[in-house]
Amino acid sequence: MIEVAKNYALMSVCNKRKVGAVVVKDGEIISYGFNHGYHEACDCSMTEKNSHVIHAEQMALSGSDKDIYEGATLYVTYKPCDKCEVLIKKCKIVEVVVG
């Protein structure tokens, strides 16, 4: 599944880092995400944090019914940041695989 997450990362238009995420439950992909900004074109700073970026994990876990993620596994191409770690715990993801 990490290869699937890497394929979703290719959808990102970010120049700084392309990140993909896949949520799997009971052997099925139930959600996916990739990092992106609020604009179609990337205007990220290569040296600073970019607050306008939506992280791949945020996109993958953005469903209104957070209960669907309970017990799932998240596959992500980079280690989640602290803010995404909080979201992952809130959604009751049981395993995070980074690759």
N, C-alpha and C. Protein backbone atom coordinates (compact mmCIF):
# COMPACT_ATOMS: atom_id res chain seq x y z
N MET A 1 0.81 -1.21 0.00
CA MET A 1 0.00 0.00 0.00
C MET A 1 0.85 1.27 0.00
N ILE A 2 2.08 1.16 0.47
CA ILE A 2 2.93 2.35 0.47
C ILE A 2 3.20 2.79 -0.97
N GLU A 3 3.24 1.85 -1.89
CA GLU A 3 3.42 2.21 -3.30
C GLU A 3 2.22 2.99 -3.82
N VAL A 4 1.03 2.63 -3.36
CA VAL A 4 -0.18 3.37 -3.74
C VAL A 4 -0.08 4.79 -3.20
N ALA A 5 0.36 4.94 -1.95
CA ALA A 5 0.53 6.28 -1.37
C ALA A 5 1.54 7.09 -2.18
N LYS A 6 2.60 6.45 -2.63
CA LYS A 6 3.60 7.14 -3.46
C LYS A 6 2.99 7.59 -4.78
N ASN A 7 2.10 6.80 -5.34
CA ASN A 7 1.42 7.20 -6.57
C ASN A 7 0.52 8.41 -6.34
N TYR A 8 -0.19 8.44 -5.20
CA TYR A 8 -1.01 9.62 -4.89
C TYR A 8 -0.15 10.85 -4.66
N ALA A 9 1.05 10.66 -4.14
CA ALA A 9 1.98 11.78 -3.93
C ALA A 9 2.30 12.47 -5.26
N LEU A 10 2.29 11.72 -6.33
CA LEU A 10 2.59 12.30 -7.65
C LEU A 10 1.52 13.30 -8.10
N MET A 11 0.36 13.27 -7.48
CA MET A 11 -0.71 14.22 -7.81
C MET A 11 -0.44 15.61 -7.23
N SER A 12 0.45 15.68 -6.26
CA SER A 12 0.78 16.96 -5.63
C SER A 12 1.51 17.86 -6.62
N VAL A 13 1.19 19.15 -6.58
CA VAL A 13 1.90 20.12 -7.41
C VAL A 13 2.95 20.88 -6.60
N CYS A 14 3.16 20.46 -5.37
CA CYS A 14 4.12 21.13 -4.49
C CYS A 14 5.55 20.95 -5.01
N ASN A 15 6.30 22.03 -5.05
CA ASN A 15 7.69 21.97 -5.49
C ASN A 15 8.62 21.52 -4.38
N LYS A 16 8.22 21.73 -3.14
CA LYS A 16 9.08 21.45 -1.99
C LYS A 16 9.10 19.96 -1.65
N ARG A 17 7.92 19.35 -1.55
CA ARG A 17 7.84 17.94 -1.18
C ARG A 17 6.48 17.39 -1.61
N LYS A 18 6.50 16.24 -2.23
CA LYS A 18 5.27 15.57 -2.64
C LYS A 18 4.97 14.46 -1.64
N VAL A 19 3.82 14.54 -0.99
CA VAL A 19 3.45 13.58 0.05
C VAL A 19 2.12 12.94 -0.33
N GLY A 20 2.04 11.62 -0.15
CA GLY A 20 0.80 10.90 -0.40
C GLY A 20 0.42 10.08 0.82
N ALA A 21 -0.89 9.83 0.96
CA ALA A 21 -1.40 9.05 2.09
C ALA A 21 -2.57 8.20 1.62
N VAL A 22 -2.68 7.00 2.19
CA VAL A 22 -3.78 6.09 1.89
C VAL A 22 -4.28 5.52 3.21
N VAL A 23 -5.60 5.51 3.40
CA VAL A 23 -6.22 4.93 4.59
C VAL A 23 -6.84 3.60 4.16
N VAL A 24 -6.45 2.53 4.87
CA VAL A 24 -6.92 1.19 4.54
C VAL A 24 -7.63 0.58 5.75
N LYS A 25 -8.81 0.02 5.49
CA LYS A 25 -9.58 -0.64 6.55
C LYS A 25 -10.18 -1.92 5.96
N ASP A 26 -9.99 -3.00 6.67
CA ASP A 26 -10.49 -4.30 6.22
C ASP A 26 -10.03 -4.63 4.81
N GLY A 27 -8.77 -4.27 4.51
CA GLY A 27 -8.18 -4.60 3.21
C GLY A 27 -8.62 -3.71 2.06
N GLU A 28 -9.42 -2.69 2.32
CA GLU A 28 -9.92 -1.80 1.28
C GLU A 28 -9.41 -0.37 1.50
N ILE A 29 -9.07 0.30 0.42
CA ILE A 29 -8.73 1.72 0.51
C ILE A 29 -10.02 2.49 0.73
N ILE A 30 -10.10 3.21 1.85
CA ILE A 30 -11.31 3.98 2.12
C ILE A 30 -11.11 5.48 1.91
N SER A 31 -9.85 5.89 1.79
CA SER A 31 -9.58 7.31 1.59
C SER A 31 -8.13 7.49 1.14
N TYR A 32 -7.86 8.62 0.53
CA TYR A 32 -6.49 8.94 0.12
C TYR A 32 -6.29 10.45 0.22
N GLY A 33 -5.05 10.86 0.15
CA GLY A 33 -4.76 12.28 0.16
C GLY A 33 -3.38 12.57 -0.38
N PHE A 34 -3.16 13.82 -0.72
CA PHE A 34 -1.85 14.30 -1.14
C PHE A 34 -1.77 15.76 -0.72
N ASN A 35 -0.57 16.24 -0.48
CA ASN A 35 -0.42 17.62 -0.02
C ASN A 35 -0.67 18.59 -1.16
N HIS A 36 -1.33 19.69 -0.81
CA HIS A 36 -1.60 20.71 -1.82
C HIS A 36 -1.91 22.03 -1.13
N GLY A 37 -1.77 23.08 -1.88
CA GLY A 37 -2.08 24.40 -1.36
C GLY A 37 -3.49 24.81 -1.72
N TYR A 38 -3.82 26.02 -1.37
CA TYR A 38 -5.15 26.54 -1.68
C TYR A 38 -5.25 27.00 -3.13
N HIS A 39 -4.12 27.06 -3.81
CA HIS A 39 -4.07 27.48 -5.20
C HIS A 39 -3.63 26.29 -6.04
N GLU A 40 -3.94 26.29 -7.31
CA GLU A 40 -3.54 25.18 -8.16
C GLU A 40 -2.03 25.14 -8.34
N ALA A 41 -1.40 26.30 -8.46
CA ALA A 41 0.04 26.36 -8.63
C ALA A 41 0.72 26.40 -7.27
N CYS A 42 1.90 25.82 -7.17
CA CYS A 42 2.64 25.81 -5.91
C CYS A 42 3.37 27.13 -5.72
N ASP A 43 3.17 27.74 -4.57
CA ASP A 43 3.92 28.95 -4.23
C ASP A 43 4.60 28.78 -2.88
N CYS A 44 5.00 27.54 -2.59
CA CYS A 44 5.66 27.23 -1.32
C CYS A 44 7.03 27.87 -1.24
N SER A 45 7.38 28.27 -0.03
CA SER A 45 8.75 28.68 0.25
C SER A 45 9.56 27.42 0.46
N MET A 46 10.71 27.36 -0.14
CA MET A 46 11.55 26.16 -0.02
C MET A 46 12.30 26.14 1.31
N THR A 47 12.29 27.25 2.05
CA THR A 47 13.07 27.33 3.27
C THR A 47 12.23 27.53 4.53
N GLU A 48 10.96 27.86 4.39
CA GLU A 48 10.12 28.15 5.55
C GLU A 48 8.91 27.23 5.59
N LYS A 49 8.26 27.17 6.75
CA LYS A 49 6.99 26.44 6.87
C LYS A 49 5.95 27.17 6.03
N ASN A 50 5.04 26.39 5.46
CA ASN A 50 4.03 26.95 4.59
C ASN A 50 2.65 26.66 5.17
N SER A 51 2.09 27.65 5.84
CA SER A 51 0.84 27.44 6.57
C SER A 51 -0.36 27.25 5.65
N HIS A 52 -0.23 27.59 4.39
CA HIS A 52 -1.36 27.48 3.47
C HIS A 52 -1.47 26.08 2.85
N VAL A 53 -0.60 25.18 3.23
CA VAL A 53 -0.59 23.84 2.64
C VAL A 53 -1.49 22.89 3.43
N ILE A 54 -2.30 22.12 2.73
CA ILE A 54 -3.09 21.05 3.34
C ILE A 54 -2.26 19.78 3.22
N HIS A 55 -2.00 19.15 4.35
CA HIS A 55 -1.17 17.95 4.36
C HIS A 55 -1.95 16.75 3.82
N ALA A 56 -1.21 15.78 3.31
CA ALA A 56 -1.81 14.57 2.74
C ALA A 56 -2.69 13.87 3.77
N GLU A 57 -2.23 13.81 5.02
CA GLU A 57 -3.00 13.17 6.07
C GLU A 57 -4.30 13.92 6.34
N GLN A 58 -4.25 15.24 6.30
CA GLN A 58 -5.45 16.05 6.52
C GLN A 58 -6.47 15.78 5.42
N MET A 59 -6.01 15.69 4.19
CA MET A 59 -6.93 15.41 3.09
C MET A 59 -7.52 14.01 3.23
N ALA A 60 -6.67 13.04 3.55
CA ALA A 60 -7.13 11.64 3.66
C ALA A 60 -8.12 11.45 4.80
N LEU A 61 -7.98 12.25 5.85
CA LEU A 61 -8.83 12.10 7.04
C LEU A 61 -9.85 13.23 7.16
N SER A 62 -10.27 13.77 6.04
CA SER A 62 -11.16 14.94 6.05
C SER A 62 -12.64 14.60 5.99
N GLY A 63 -12.98 13.33 5.97
CA GLY A 63 -14.40 12.96 5.93
C GLY A 63 -15.15 13.47 7.15
N SER A 64 -16.40 13.81 6.97
CA SER A 64 -17.19 14.36 8.08
C SER A 64 -17.49 13.31 9.15
N ASP A 65 -17.53 12.04 8.76
CA ASP A 65 -17.79 10.96 9.72
C ASP A 65 -16.46 10.32 10.12
N LYS A 66 -15.86 10.82 11.19
CA LYS A 66 -14.54 10.34 11.63
C LYS A 66 -14.58 8.88 12.08
N ASP A 67 -15.77 8.36 12.40
CA ASP A 67 -15.89 6.96 12.86
C ASP A 67 -15.46 5.96 11.79
N ILE A 68 -15.54 6.34 10.51
CA ILE A 68 -15.16 5.39 9.46
C ILE A 68 -13.68 5.03 9.50
N TYR A 69 -12.86 5.89 10.11
CA TYR A 69 -11.42 5.66 10.16
C TYR A 69 -10.99 4.78 11.33
N GLU A 70 -11.88 4.58 12.30
CA GLU A 70 -11.53 3.82 13.50
C GLU A 70 -11.06 2.41 13.13
N GLY A 71 -9.87 2.05 13.62
CA GLY A 71 -9.32 0.73 13.37
C GLY A 71 -8.56 0.60 12.06
N ALA A 72 -8.44 1.68 11.31
CA ALA A 72 -7.78 1.65 10.01
C ALA A 72 -6.27 1.83 10.14
N THR A 73 -5.59 1.58 9.03
CA THR A 73 -4.15 1.81 8.92
C THR A 73 -3.92 2.94 7.93
N LEU A 74 -3.01 3.84 8.29
CA LEU A 74 -2.63 4.96 7.42
C LEU A 74 -1.25 4.68 6.85
N TYR A 75 -1.15 4.69 5.55
CA TYR A 75 0.13 4.58 4.86
C TYR A 75 0.47 5.97 4.33
N VAL A 76 1.65 6.47 4.67
CA VAL A 76 2.02 7.83 4.29
C VAL A 76 3.50 7.86 3.89
N THR A 77 3.83 8.70 2.93
CA THR A 77 5.18 8.69 2.37
C THR A 77 6.22 9.44 3.20
N TYR A 78 5.79 10.28 4.14
CA TYR A 78 6.70 10.97 5.06
C TYR A 78 6.11 10.91 6.46
N LYS A 79 6.96 11.02 7.45
CA LYS A 79 6.50 11.00 8.84
C LYS A 79 5.54 12.16 9.08
N PRO A 80 4.37 11.89 9.68
CA PRO A 80 3.41 12.95 9.95
C PRO A 80 3.95 13.99 10.94
N CYS A 81 3.54 15.24 10.74
CA CYS A 81 3.91 16.31 11.67
C CYS A 81 3.07 16.18 12.94
N ASP A 82 3.40 16.99 13.93
CA ASP A 82 2.68 16.93 15.22
C ASP A 82 1.19 17.19 15.05
N LYS A 83 0.83 18.16 14.22
CA LYS A 83 -0.58 18.50 14.00
C LYS A 83 -1.32 17.32 13.37
N CYS A 84 -0.69 16.65 12.43
CA CYS A 84 -1.33 15.49 11.80
C CYS A 84 -1.38 14.30 12.75
N GLU A 85 -0.39 14.17 13.63
CA GLU A 85 -0.42 13.10 14.64
C GLU A 85 -1.65 13.22 15.53
N VAL A 86 -1.99 14.45 15.91
CA VAL A 86 -3.19 14.68 16.72
C VAL A 86 -4.43 14.24 15.96
N LEU A 87 -4.52 14.60 14.68
CA LEU A 87 -5.66 14.21 13.85
C LEU A 87 -5.74 12.69 13.72
N ILE A 88 -4.61 12.04 13.53
CA ILE A 88 -4.56 10.59 13.40
C ILE A 88 -5.10 9.92 14.66
N LYS A 89 -4.70 10.41 15.81
CA LYS A 89 -5.20 9.87 17.08
C LYS A 89 -6.69 10.12 17.25
N LYS A 90 -7.13 11.30 16.87
CA LYS A 90 -8.55 11.65 16.97
C LYS A 90 -9.41 10.72 16.10
N CYS A 91 -8.86 10.30 14.97
CA CYS A 91 -9.60 9.41 14.06
C CYS A 91 -9.45 7.94 14.44
N LYS A 92 -8.69 7.67 15.50
CA LYS A 92 -8.50 6.31 16.02
C LYS A 92 -7.88 5.36 15.00
N ILE A 93 -6.91 5.90 14.25
CA ILE A 93 -6.11 5.06 13.35
C ILE A 93 -5.24 4.18 14.23
N VAL A 94 -5.19 2.87 13.93
CA VAL A 94 -4.46 1.94 14.82
C VAL A 94 -3.00 1.76 14.42
N GLU A 95 -2.66 2.07 13.17
CA GLU A 95 -1.28 1.89 12.73
C GLU A 95 -0.96 2.92 11.67
N VAL A 96 0.27 3.45 11.74
CA VAL A 96 0.78 4.36 10.71
C VAL A 96 2.03 3.74 10.14
N VAL A 97 2.04 3.58 8.82
CA VAL A 97 3.18 3.01 8.11
C VAL A 97 3.79 4.12 7.28
N VAL A 98 5.07 4.41 7.52
CA VAL A 98 5.77 5.47 6.81
C VAL A 98 6.77 4.83 5.87
N GLY A 99 6.78 5.30 4.63
CA GLY A 99 7.71 4.68 3.69
C GLY A 99 8.13 5.53 2.56
